Amino acid sequence: MACMTRVMGFAKRGDDCVVFVDVGDKVQGAPPQAFFAVPKFPRTRNFPARAHFD
């Protein structure tokens, strides 16, 4: 099952894998802890500053 959300707190708590898609390109996929703690690419490093963590 896949779920698309803008609420990163939900993605962090409820998902097995986070896939970051920007402008139609899959940029990074990783378990939530790895995705949020150690983003690998500039687009994923800059994303948390703009995200909603409700």
N, C-alpha and C. Protein backbone atom coordinates (compact mmCIF):
# COMPACT_ATOMS: atom_id res chain seq x y z
N MET A 1 0.84 -1.18 0.00
CA MET A 1 0.00 0.00 0.00
C MET A 1 0.89 1.24 0.00
N ALA A 2 0.47 2.24 -0.70
CA ALA A 2 1.21 3.50 -0.75
C ALA A 2 0.31 4.62 -0.24
N CYS A 3 0.92 5.59 0.41
CA CYS A 3 0.19 6.74 0.94
C CYS A 3 1.00 7.99 0.63
N MET A 4 0.35 8.98 0.06
CA MET A 4 1.04 10.25 -0.22
C MET A 4 0.60 11.25 0.83
N THR A 5 1.56 11.95 1.43
CA THR A 5 1.22 12.93 2.46
C THR A 5 2.22 14.07 2.46
N ARG A 6 1.76 15.20 2.91
CA ARG A 6 2.64 16.35 3.15
C ARG A 6 3.02 16.43 4.62
N VAL A 7 2.37 15.65 5.45
CA VAL A 7 2.58 15.70 6.89
C VAL A 7 3.69 14.71 7.26
N MET A 8 4.88 15.24 7.45
CA MET A 8 6.05 14.39 7.66
C MET A 8 6.03 13.66 8.99
N GLY A 9 5.36 14.22 9.99
CA GLY A 9 5.23 13.51 11.25
C GLY A 9 4.49 12.20 11.06
N PHE A 10 3.45 12.21 10.22
CA PHE A 10 2.72 11.00 9.89
C PHE A 10 3.62 10.01 9.16
N ALA A 11 4.36 10.50 8.19
CA ALA A 11 5.27 9.63 7.42
C ALA A 11 6.34 9.03 8.33
N LYS A 12 6.82 9.81 9.24
CA LYS A 12 7.88 9.37 10.16
C LYS A 12 7.38 8.28 11.10
N ARG A 13 6.15 8.41 11.57
CA ARG A 13 5.59 7.46 12.54
C ARG A 13 4.93 6.25 11.89
N GLY A 14 4.30 6.43 10.74
CA GLY A 14 3.42 5.39 10.23
C GLY A 14 3.91 4.61 9.03
N ASP A 15 5.07 4.92 8.51
CA ASP A 15 5.52 4.26 7.28
C ASP A 15 6.72 3.35 7.51
N ASP A 16 6.84 2.36 6.63
CA ASP A 16 8.01 1.48 6.62
C ASP A 16 9.10 2.06 5.73
N CYS A 17 8.68 2.83 4.73
CA CYS A 17 9.63 3.41 3.77
C CYS A 17 9.10 4.78 3.35
N VAL A 18 9.98 5.75 3.26
CA VAL A 18 9.63 7.08 2.76
C VAL A 18 10.28 7.23 1.39
N VAL A 19 9.49 7.62 0.41
CA VAL A 19 10.01 7.88 -0.93
C VAL A 19 9.78 9.35 -1.22
N PHE A 20 10.84 10.08 -1.49
CA PHE A 20 10.75 11.50 -1.78
C PHE A 20 10.72 11.68 -3.29
N VAL A 21 9.65 12.29 -3.80
CA VAL A 21 9.48 12.55 -5.22
C VAL A 21 9.41 14.06 -5.40
N ASP A 22 10.23 14.59 -6.30
CA ASP A 22 10.26 16.02 -6.56
C ASP A 22 10.20 16.24 -8.07
N VAL A 23 9.25 17.01 -8.53
CA VAL A 23 9.06 17.32 -9.94
C VAL A 23 8.98 16.03 -10.77
N GLY A 24 8.30 15.02 -10.22
CA GLY A 24 8.12 13.76 -10.92
C GLY A 24 9.29 12.80 -10.87
N ASP A 25 10.38 13.17 -10.23
CA ASP A 25 11.55 12.31 -10.12
C ASP A 25 11.64 11.70 -8.73
N LYS A 26 11.87 10.38 -8.66
CA LYS A 26 12.14 9.75 -7.37
C LYS A 26 13.56 10.14 -6.99
N VAL A 27 13.69 10.87 -5.90
CA VAL A 27 14.99 11.38 -5.46
C VAL A 27 15.64 10.44 -4.47
N GLN A 28 14.88 9.97 -3.49
CA GLN A 28 15.44 9.10 -2.45
C GLN A 28 14.34 8.26 -1.83
N GLY A 29 14.66 7.03 -1.53
CA GLY A 29 13.77 6.15 -0.79
C GLY A 29 14.57 5.51 0.33
N ALA A 30 14.00 5.47 1.53
CA ALA A 30 14.72 4.92 2.69
C ALA A 30 13.74 4.71 3.83
N PRO A 31 14.12 3.91 4.83
CA PRO A 31 13.30 3.84 6.04
C PRO A 31 13.21 5.23 6.67
N PRO A 32 12.12 5.54 7.37
CA PRO A 32 11.93 6.90 7.89
C PRO A 32 13.10 7.41 8.74
N GLN A 33 13.64 6.57 9.62
CA GLN A 33 14.74 7.04 10.48
C GLN A 33 15.94 7.46 9.64
N ALA A 34 16.29 6.69 8.63
CA ALA A 34 17.42 7.04 7.77
C ALA A 34 17.11 8.24 6.90
N PHE A 35 15.90 8.29 6.36
CA PHE A 35 15.53 9.40 5.48
C PHE A 35 15.62 10.74 6.19
N PHE A 36 15.06 10.81 7.40
CA PHE A 36 15.04 12.09 8.12
C PHE A 36 16.35 12.40 8.83
N ALA A 37 17.09 11.39 9.26
CA ALA A 37 18.34 11.63 10.00
C ALA A 37 19.52 11.89 9.07
N VAL A 38 19.57 11.18 7.94
CA VAL A 38 20.74 11.28 7.06
C VAL A 38 20.28 11.37 5.60
N PRO A 39 19.69 12.50 5.19
CA PRO A 39 19.30 12.63 3.79
C PRO A 39 20.53 12.61 2.89
N LYS A 40 20.45 11.91 1.76
CA LYS A 40 21.63 11.70 0.91
C LYS A 40 21.85 12.76 -0.17
N PHE A 41 20.82 13.48 -0.54
CA PHE A 41 20.92 14.38 -1.69
C PHE A 41 20.52 15.80 -1.32
N PRO A 42 21.00 16.80 -2.04
CA PRO A 42 20.66 18.19 -1.71
C PRO A 42 19.16 18.45 -1.63
N ARG A 43 18.38 17.89 -2.56
CA ARG A 43 16.93 18.13 -2.53
C ARG A 43 16.30 17.53 -1.28
N THR A 44 16.78 16.38 -0.82
CA THR A 44 16.21 15.79 0.39
C THR A 44 16.75 16.45 1.64
N ARG A 45 17.95 17.01 1.59
CA ARG A 45 18.49 17.75 2.75
C ARG A 45 17.74 19.05 2.95
N ASN A 46 17.34 19.72 1.89
CA ASN A 46 16.63 21.00 1.98
C ASN A 46 15.15 20.85 2.29
N PHE A 47 14.59 19.69 2.04
CA PHE A 47 13.16 19.48 2.19
C PHE A 47 12.63 19.66 3.62
N PRO A 48 13.25 19.12 4.67
CA PRO A 48 12.66 19.25 6.01
C PRO A 48 12.40 20.69 6.46
N ALA A 49 13.16 21.64 5.97
CA ALA A 49 12.94 23.04 6.33
C ALA A 49 11.60 23.55 5.80
N ARG A 50 11.08 22.93 4.74
CA ARG A 50 9.82 23.37 4.14
C ARG A 50 8.65 22.47 4.49
N ALA A 51 8.90 21.36 5.18
CA ALA A 51 7.87 20.35 5.42
C ALA A 51 7.02 20.66 6.65
N HIS A 52 5.87 20.00 6.71
CA HIS A 52 4.96 20.08 7.86
C HIS A 52 5.20 18.87 8.74
N PHE A 53 5.54 19.08 10.00
CA PHE A 53 5.80 17.97 10.92
C PHE A 53 4.72 17.86 11.98
N ASP A 54 3.46 18.10 11.62
CA ASP A 54 2.35 18.03 12.57
C ASP A 54 2.11 16.63 13.05
